[in-house]
Every structure is written in structure tokens, then in C-alpha cells.
Amino acid sequence: MSMLNVRTDEAMEKAIAALTESGRTRSEAVRYALLHTYRDELIKQAQADAERLANDPDDRAEMLAIQRYLGLVE
């Protein structure tokens, strides 16, 4: 496992303090925050992709063709 050094400011220290109140270590709090932020970014990208697909008839047709090929729809 690699190590990462991060400079914190007052806002970061406040956030870390809030995330460690439940007993997490500082390292666990930072990992938690990074993974949740990454998950949120992936969800935002998936939502944007879904909106794009919903609004483009060519993409919808391709998506349906792929679902049919995979046996997900008839």
C-alpha cells in the first residue's frame, strides 16, 4: 500500500474531525471521503450518460440492440 501526504487547511481539519467522531482514524476518514467522492462522481457520470441516451434516439436504439444481444430484453 502506498502512502499519500496531504496538506490540510482549517476546512479540511474540520471535515476530518467530523469524520473521526465515530471512531475512525484520520487515515480511515480520508479513505472514506475519497471513496465516497469517487462513487459520487461515478454516479454523476452514469446519470449524465443515461440522460444522453434517453434524449438521443440513435443511442437508445443501440442500447436496445445491445440489451437484446445480451438477452436482457426480448
PDB file of N, CA and C in Angstrom:
ATOM      1  N   MET A   1       0.852  -1.170   0.000  1.00  0.00           N
ATOM      2  CA  MET A   1       0.000   0.000   0.000  1.00  0.00           C
ATOM      3  C   MET A   1       0.898   1.233   0.000  1.00  0.00           C
ATOM      4  N   SER A   2       0.567   2.190  -0.829  1.00  0.00           N
ATOM      5  CA  SER A   2       1.367   3.406  -0.886  1.00  0.00           C
ATOM      6  C   SER A   2       0.885   4.420   0.137  1.00  0.00           C
ATOM      7  N   MET A   3       1.702   5.432   0.342  1.00  0.00           N
ATOM      8  CA  MET A   3       1.378   6.468   1.313  1.00  0.00           C
ATOM      9  C   MET A   3       1.195   7.789   0.576  1.00  0.00           C
ATOM     10  N   LEU A   4       0.273   8.593   1.058  1.00  0.00           N
ATOM     11  CA  LEU A   4      -0.011   9.897   0.480  1.00  0.00           C
ATOM     12  C   LEU A   4       0.034  10.936   1.591  1.00  0.00           C
ATOM     13  N   ASN A   5       0.812  11.975   1.395  1.00  0.00           N
ATOM     14  CA  ASN A   5       0.844  13.089   2.342  1.00  0.00           C
ATOM     15  C   ASN A   5      -0.026  14.198   1.787  1.00  0.00           C
ATOM     16  N   VAL A   6      -0.858  14.762   2.652  1.00  0.00           N
ATOM     17  CA  VAL A   6      -1.784  15.807   2.234  1.00  0.00           C
ATOM     18  C   VAL A   6      -1.658  16.986   3.193  1.00  0.00           C
ATOM     19  N   ARG A   7      -1.571  18.175   2.624  1.00  0.00           N
ATOM     20  CA  ARG A   7      -1.609  19.381   3.460  1.00  0.00           C
ATOM     21  C   ARG A   7      -3.066  19.724   3.724  1.00  0.00           C
ATOM     22  N   THR A   8      -3.357  20.001   4.959  1.00  0.00           N
ATOM     23  CA  THR A   8      -4.732  20.333   5.312  1.00  0.00           C
ATOM     24  C   THR A   8      -4.833  21.805   5.697  1.00  0.00           C
ATOM     25  N   ASP A   9      -6.036  22.310   5.520  1.00  0.00           N
ATOM     26  CA  ASP A   9      -6.327  23.668   5.981  1.00  0.00           C
ATOM     27  C   ASP A   9      -7.407  23.559   7.049  1.00  0.00           C
ATOM     28  N   GLU A  10      -7.915  24.679   7.475  1.00  0.00           N
ATOM     29  CA  GLU A  10      -8.909  24.678   8.557  1.00  0.00           C
ATOM     30  C   GLU A  10     -10.179  23.904   8.166  1.00  0.00           C
ATOM     31  N   ALA A  11     -10.632  24.080   6.941  1.00  0.00           N
ATOM     32  CA  ALA A  11     -11.838  23.384   6.489  1.00  0.00           C
ATOM     33  C   ALA A  11     -11.612  21.878   6.449  1.00  0.00           C
ATOM     34  N   MET A  12     -10.441  21.464   5.989  1.00  0.00           N
ATOM     35  CA  MET A  12     -10.122  20.031   5.939  1.00  0.00           C
ATOM     36  C   MET A  12     -10.059  19.443   7.346  1.00  0.00           C
ATOM     37  N   GLU A  13      -9.439  20.170   8.265  1.00  0.00           N
ATOM     38  CA  GLU A  13      -9.342  19.686   9.643  1.00  0.00           C
ATOM     39  C   GLU A  13     -10.728  19.543  10.273  1.00  0.00           C
ATOM     40  N   LYS A  14     -11.613  20.475   9.964  1.00  0.00           N
ATOM     41  CA  LYS A  14     -12.981  20.401  10.480  1.00  0.00           C
ATOM     42  C   LYS A  14     -13.693  19.169   9.918  1.00  0.00           C
ATOM     43  N   ALA A  15     -13.518  18.919   8.618  1.00  0.00           N
ATOM     44  CA  ALA A  15     -14.138  17.748   7.996  1.00  0.00           C
ATOM     45  C   ALA A  15     -13.568  16.461   8.578  1.00  0.00           C
ATOM     46  N   ILE A  16     -12.257  16.401   8.743  1.00  0.00           N
ATOM     47  CA  ILE A  16     -11.629  15.196   9.318  1.00  0.00           C
ATOM     48  C   ILE A  16     -12.108  14.985  10.741  1.00  0.00           C
ATOM     49  N   ALA A  17     -12.224  16.056  11.495  1.00  0.00           N
ATOM     50  CA  ALA A  17     -12.715  15.938  12.879  1.00  0.00           C
ATOM     51  C   ALA A  17     -14.120  15.354  12.898  1.00  0.00           C
ATOM     52  N   ALA A  18     -14.969  15.817  11.980  1.00  0.00           N
ATOM     53  CA  ALA A  18     -16.335  15.300  11.928  1.00  0.00           C
ATOM     54  C   ALA A  18     -16.349  13.819  11.533  1.00  0.00           C
ATOM     55  N   LEU A  19     -15.462  13.444  10.612  1.00  0.00           N
ATOM     56  CA  LEU A  19     -15.433  12.058  10.147  1.00  0.00           C
ATOM     57  C   LEU A  19     -14.763  11.109  11.134  1.00  0.00           C
ATOM     58  N   THR A  20     -14.026  11.641  12.091  1.00  0.00           N
ATOM     59  CA  THR A  20     -13.375  10.782  13.088  1.00  0.00           C
ATOM     60  C   THR A  20     -14.160  10.699  14.389  1.00  0.00           C
ATOM     61  N   GLU A  21     -15.235  11.457  14.510  1.00  0.00           N
ATOM     62  CA  GLU A  21     -16.036  11.434  15.744  1.00  0.00           C
ATOM     63  C   GLU A  21     -16.586  10.046  16.046  1.00  0.00           C
ATOM     64  N   SER A  22     -16.851   9.258  15.003  1.00  0.00           N
ATOM     65  CA  SER A  22     -17.444   7.932  15.202  1.00  0.00           C
ATOM     66  C   SER A  22     -16.397   6.870  15.528  1.00  0.00           C
ATOM     67  N   GLY A  23     -15.126   7.269  15.633  1.00  0.00           N
ATOM     68  CA  GLY A  23     -14.086   6.325  15.995  1.00  0.00           C
ATOM     69  C   GLY A  23     -13.136   5.981  14.854  1.00  0.00           C
ATOM     70  N   ARG A  24     -13.384   6.506  13.671  1.00  0.00           N
ATOM     71  CA  ARG A  24     -12.455   6.278  12.557  1.00  0.00           C
ATOM     72  C   ARG A  24     -11.123   6.948  12.858  1.00  0.00           C
ATOM     73  N   THR A  25     -10.055   6.379  12.332  1.00  0.00           N
ATOM     74  CA  THR A  25      -8.772   7.069  12.388  1.00  0.00           C
ATOM     75  C   THR A  25      -8.766   8.146  11.319  1.00  0.00           C
ATOM     76  N   ARG A  26      -7.782   9.017  11.346  1.00  0.00           N
ATOM     77  CA  ARG A  26      -7.668  10.055  10.319  1.00  0.00           C
ATOM     78  C   ARG A  26      -7.494   9.413   8.949  1.00  0.00           C
ATOM     79  N   SER A  27      -6.677   8.360   8.868  1.00  0.00           N
ATOM     80  CA  SER A  27      -6.471   7.667   7.589  1.00  0.00           C
ATOM     81  C   SER A  27      -7.768   7.049   7.092  1.00  0.00           C
ATOM     82  N   GLU A  28      -8.517   6.416   7.978  1.00  0.00           N
ATOM     83  CA  GLU A  28      -9.802   5.826   7.585  1.00  0.00           C
ATOM     84  C   GLU A  28     -10.771   6.908   7.118  1.00  0.00           C
ATOM     85  N   ALA A  29     -10.764   8.045   7.789  1.00  0.00           N
ATOM     86  CA  ALA A  29     -11.660   9.142   7.409  1.00  0.00           C
ATOM     87  C   ALA A  29     -11.325   9.653   6.019  1.00  0.00           C
ATOM     88  N   VAL A  30     -10.046   9.799   5.719  1.00  0.00           N
ATOM     89  CA  VAL A  30      -9.645  10.282   4.398  1.00  0.00           C
ATOM     90  C   VAL A  30      -9.985   9.252   3.331  1.00  0.00           C
ATOM     91  N   ARG A  31      -9.715   7.962   3.598  1.00  0.00           N
ATOM     92  CA  ARG A  31     -10.080   6.918   2.633  1.00  0.00           C
ATOM     93  C   ARG A  31     -11.584   6.896   2.393  1.00  0.00           C
ATOM     94  N   TYR A  32     -12.363   7.008   3.474  1.00  0.00           N
ATOM     95  CA  TYR A  32     -13.817   7.041   3.371  1.00  0.00           C
ATOM     96  C   TYR A  32     -14.261   8.196   2.472  1.00  0.00           C
ATOM     97  N   ALA A  33     -13.721   9.378   2.729  1.00  0.00           N
ATOM     98  CA  ALA A  33     -14.108  10.562   1.959  1.00  0.00           C
ATOM     99  C   ALA A  33     -13.728  10.419   0.491  1.00  0.00           C
ATOM    100  N   LEU A  34     -12.530   9.917   0.212  1.00  0.00           N
ATOM    101  CA  LEU A  34     -12.096   9.739  -1.173  1.00  0.00           C
ATOM    102  C   LEU A  34     -12.965   8.728  -1.902  1.00  0.00           C
ATOM    103  N   LEU A  35     -13.228   7.592  -1.271  1.00  0.00           N
ATOM    104  CA  LEU A  35     -14.032   6.561  -1.933  1.00  0.00           C
ATOM    105  C   LEU A  35     -15.465   7.009  -2.155  1.00  0.00           C
ATOM    106  N   HIS A  36     -16.028   7.732  -1.200  1.00  0.00           N
ATOM    107  CA  HIS A  36     -17.396   8.219  -1.377  1.00  0.00           C
ATOM    108  C   HIS A  36     -17.469   9.316  -2.437  1.00  0.00           C
ATOM    109  N   THR A  37     -16.467  10.151  -2.487  1.00  0.00           N
ATOM    110  CA  THR A  37     -16.427  11.181  -3.524  1.00  0.00           C
ATOM    111  C   THR A  37     -16.278  10.536  -4.895  1.00  0.00           C
ATOM    112  N   TYR A  38     -15.421   9.524  -4.995  1.00  0.00           N
ATOM    113  CA  TYR A  38     -15.235   8.803  -6.258  1.00  0.00           C
ATOM    114  C   TYR A  38     -16.541   8.138  -6.692  1.00  0.00           C
ATOM    115  N   ARG A  39     -17.235   7.495  -5.746  1.00  0.00           N
ATOM    116  CA  ARG A  39     -18.525   6.864  -6.042  1.00  0.00           C
ATOM    117  C   ARG A  39     -19.534   7.898  -6.528  1.00  0.00           C
ATOM    118  N   ASP A  40     -19.574   9.041  -5.863  1.00  0.00           N
ATOM    119  CA  ASP A  40     -20.498  10.106  -6.268  1.00  0.00           C
ATOM    120  C   ASP A  40     -20.193  10.589  -7.688  1.00  0.00           C
ATOM    121  N   GLU A  41     -18.912  10.694  -8.028  1.00  0.00           N
ATOM    122  CA  GLU A  41     -18.527  11.104  -9.385  1.00  0.00           C
ATOM    123  C   GLU A  41     -18.955  10.062 -10.414  1.00  0.00           C
ATOM    124  N   LEU A  42     -18.792   8.781 -10.083  1.00  0.00           N
ATOM    125  CA  LEU A  42     -19.233   7.724 -10.994  1.00  0.00           C
ATOM    126  C   LEU A  42     -20.750   7.757 -11.188  1.00  0.00           C
ATOM    127  N   ILE A  43     -21.477   8.010 -10.125  1.00  0.00           N
ATOM    128  CA  ILE A  43     -22.940   8.095 -10.218  1.00  0.00           C
ATOM    129  C   ILE A  43     -23.345   9.288 -11.077  1.00  0.00           C
ATOM    130  N   LYS A  44     -22.682  10.434 -10.891  1.00  0.00           N
ATOM    131  CA  LYS A  44     -22.995  11.606 -11.715  1.00  0.00           C
ATOM    132  C   LYS A  44     -22.731  11.317 -13.189  1.00  0.00           C
ATOM    133  N   GLN A  45     -21.629  10.620 -13.481  1.00  0.00           N
ATOM    134  CA  GLN A  45     -21.315  10.299 -14.863  1.00  0.00           C
ATOM    135  C   GLN A  45     -22.344   9.333 -15.437  1.00  0.00           C
ATOM    136  N   ALA A  46     -22.764   8.348 -14.655  1.00  0.00           N
ATOM    137  CA  ALA A  46     -23.780   7.404 -15.115  1.00  0.00           C
ATOM    138  C   ALA A  46     -25.107   8.116 -15.373  1.00  0.00           C
ATOM    139  N   GLN A  47     -25.460   9.057 -14.509  1.00  0.00           N
ATOM    140  CA  GLN A  47     -26.689   9.817 -14.713  1.00  0.00           C
ATOM    141  C   GLN A  47     -26.614  10.664 -15.985  1.00  0.00           C
ATOM    142  N   ALA A  48     -25.467  11.271 -16.214  1.00  0.00           N
ATOM    143  CA  ALA A  48     -25.292  12.071 -17.430  1.00  0.00           C
ATOM    144  C   ALA A  48     -25.375  11.178 -18.667  1.00  0.00           C
ATOM    145  N   ASP A  49     -24.762  10.000 -18.594  1.00  0.00           N
ATOM    146  CA  ASP A  49     -24.837   9.057 -19.710  1.00  0.00           C
ATOM    147  C   ASP A  49     -26.269   8.605 -19.958  1.00  0.00           C
ATOM    148  N   ALA A  50     -26.999   8.341 -18.869  1.00  0.00           N
ATOM    149  CA  ALA A  50     -28.392   7.901 -19.004  1.00  0.00           C
ATOM    150  C   ALA A  50     -29.246   9.002 -19.630  1.00  0.00           C
ATOM    151  N   GLU A  51     -29.028  10.246 -19.225  1.00  0.00           N
ATOM    152  CA  GLU A  51     -29.782  11.360 -19.810  1.00  0.00           C
ATOM    153  C   GLU A  51     -29.463  11.507 -21.296  1.00  0.00           C
ATOM    154  N   ARG A  52     -28.180  11.365 -21.632  1.00  0.00           N
ATOM    155  CA  ARG A  52     -27.779  11.470 -23.031  1.00  0.00           C
ATOM    156  C   ARG A  52     -28.433  10.357 -23.845  1.00  0.00           C
ATOM    157  N   LEU A  53     -28.432   9.142 -23.317  1.00  0.00           N
ATOM    158  CA  LEU A  53     -29.053   8.020 -24.018  1.00  0.00           C
ATOM    159  C   LEU A  53     -30.557   8.208 -24.165  1.00  0.00           C
ATOM    160  N   ALA A  54     -31.175   8.735 -23.131  1.00  0.00           N
ATOM    161  CA  ALA A  54     -32.627   8.918 -23.163  1.00  0.00           C
ATOM    162  C   ALA A  54     -33.051   9.963 -24.187  1.00  0.00           C
ATOM    163  N   ASN A  55     -32.167  10.904 -24.480  1.00  0.00           N
ATOM    164  CA  ASN A  55     -32.518  12.005 -25.372  1.00  0.00           C
ATOM    165  C   ASN A  55     -32.023  11.820 -26.802  1.00  0.00           C
ATOM    166  N   ASP A  56     -31.328  10.734 -27.080  1.00  0.00           N
ATOM    167  CA  ASP A  56     -30.796  10.517 -28.425  1.00  0.00           C
ATOM    168  C   ASP A  56     -31.358   9.210 -28.974  1.00  0.00           C
ATOM    169  N   PRO A  57     -32.257   9.281 -29.959  1.00  0.00           N
ATOM    170  CA  PRO A  57     -32.897   8.069 -30.483  1.00  0.00           C
ATOM    171  C   PRO A  57     -31.898   7.059 -31.040  1.00  0.00           C
ATOM    172  N   ASP A  58     -30.799   7.527 -31.634  1.00  0.00           N
ATOM    173  CA  ASP A  58     -29.799   6.589 -32.153  1.00  0.00           C
ATOM    174  C   ASP A  58     -29.136   5.812 -31.022  1.00  0.00           C
ATOM    175  N   ASP A  59     -28.800   6.513 -29.938  1.00  0.00           N
ATOM    176  CA  ASP A  59     -28.199   5.851 -28.789  1.00  0.00           C
ATOM    177  C   ASP A  59     -29.184   4.889 -28.137  1.00  0.00           C
ATOM    178  N   ARG A  60     -30.457   5.285 -28.058  1.00  0.00           N
ATOM    179  CA  ARG A  60     -31.475   4.397 -27.470  1.00  0.00           C
ATOM    180  C   ARG A  60     -31.592   3.120 -28.291  1.00  0.00           C
ATOM    181  N   ALA A  61     -31.567   3.241 -29.609  1.00  0.00           N
ATOM    182  CA  ALA A  61     -31.666   2.067 -30.468  1.00  0.00           C
ATOM    183  C   ALA A  61     -30.456   1.160 -30.270  1.00  0.00           C
ATOM    184  N   GLU A  62     -29.274   1.749 -30.170  1.00  0.00           N
ATOM    185  CA  GLU A  62     -28.075   0.957 -29.952  1.00  0.00           C
ATOM    186  C   GLU A  62     -28.118   0.264 -28.592  1.00  0.00           C
ATOM    187  N   MET A  63     -28.573   0.991 -27.567  1.00  0.00           N
ATOM    188  CA  MET A  63     -28.685   0.418 -26.239  1.00  0.00           C
ATOM    189  C   MET A  63     -29.663  -0.765 -26.244  1.00  0.00           C
ATOM    190  N   LEU A  64     -30.784  -0.618 -26.921  1.00  0.00           N
ATOM    191  CA  LEU A  64     -31.761  -1.698 -27.009  1.00  0.00           C
ATOM    192  C   LEU A  64     -31.177  -2.895 -27.756  1.00  0.00           C
ATOM    193  N   ALA A  65     -30.434  -2.650 -28.822  1.00  0.00           N
ATOM    194  CA  ALA A  65     -29.804  -3.732 -29.571  1.00  0.00           C
ATOM    195  C   ALA A  65     -28.812  -4.499 -28.693  1.00  0.00           C
ATOM    196  N   ILE A  66     -28.050  -3.785 -27.901  1.00  0.00           N
ATOM    197  CA  ILE A  66     -27.097  -4.436 -27.000  1.00  0.00           C
ATOM    198  C   ILE A  66     -27.831  -5.254 -25.947  1.00  0.00           C
ATOM    199  N   GLN A  67     -28.919  -4.694 -25.388  1.00  0.00           N
ATOM    200  CA  GLN A  67     -29.701  -5.430 -24.389  1.00  0.00           C
ATOM    201  C   GLN A  67     -30.293  -6.691 -24.996  1.00  0.00           C
ATOM    202  N   ARG A  68     -30.760  -6.610 -26.224  1.00  0.00           N
ATOM    203  CA  ARG A  68     -31.303  -7.798 -26.898  1.00  0.00           C
ATOM    204  C   ARG A  68     -30.198  -8.827 -27.116  1.00  0.00           C
ATOM    205  N   TYR A  69     -29.033  -8.387 -27.553  1.00  0.00           N
ATOM    206  CA  TYR A  69     -27.914  -9.280 -27.787  1.00  0.00           C
ATOM    207  C   TYR A  69     -27.527 -10.001 -26.498  1.00  0.00           C
ATOM    208  N   LEU A  70     -27.567  -9.282 -25.378  1.00  0.00           N
ATOM    209  CA  LEU A  70     -27.215  -9.877 -24.083  1.00  0.00           C
ATOM    210  C   LEU A  70     -28.350 -10.701 -23.494  1.00  0.00           C
ATOM    211  N   GLY A  71     -29.508 -10.669 -24.129  1.00  0.00           N
ATOM    212  CA  GLY A  71     -30.645 -11.431 -23.625  1.00  0.00           C
ATOM    213  C   GLY A  71     -31.349 -10.781 -22.463  1.00  0.00           C
ATOM    214  N   LEU A  72     -31.157  -9.474 -22.317  1.00  0.00           N
ATOM    215  CA  LEU A  72     -31.781  -8.762 -21.202  1.00  0.00           C
ATOM    216  C   LEU A  72     -33.208  -8.354 -21.506  1.00  0.00           C
ATOM    217  N   VAL A  73     -33.515  -8.190 -22.790  1.00  0.00           N
ATOM    218  CA  VAL A  73     -34.885  -7.871 -23.213  1.00  0.00           C
ATOM    219  C   VAL A  73     -35.198  -8.711 -24.453  1.00  0.00           C
ATOM    220  N   GLU A  74     -36.479  -8.843 -24.744  1.00  0.00           N
ATOM    221  CA  GLU A  74     -36.875  -9.620 -25.934  1.00  0.00           C
ATOM    222  C   GLU A  74     -37.236  -8.723 -27.071  1.00  0.00           C
TER     223      GLU A  74
END
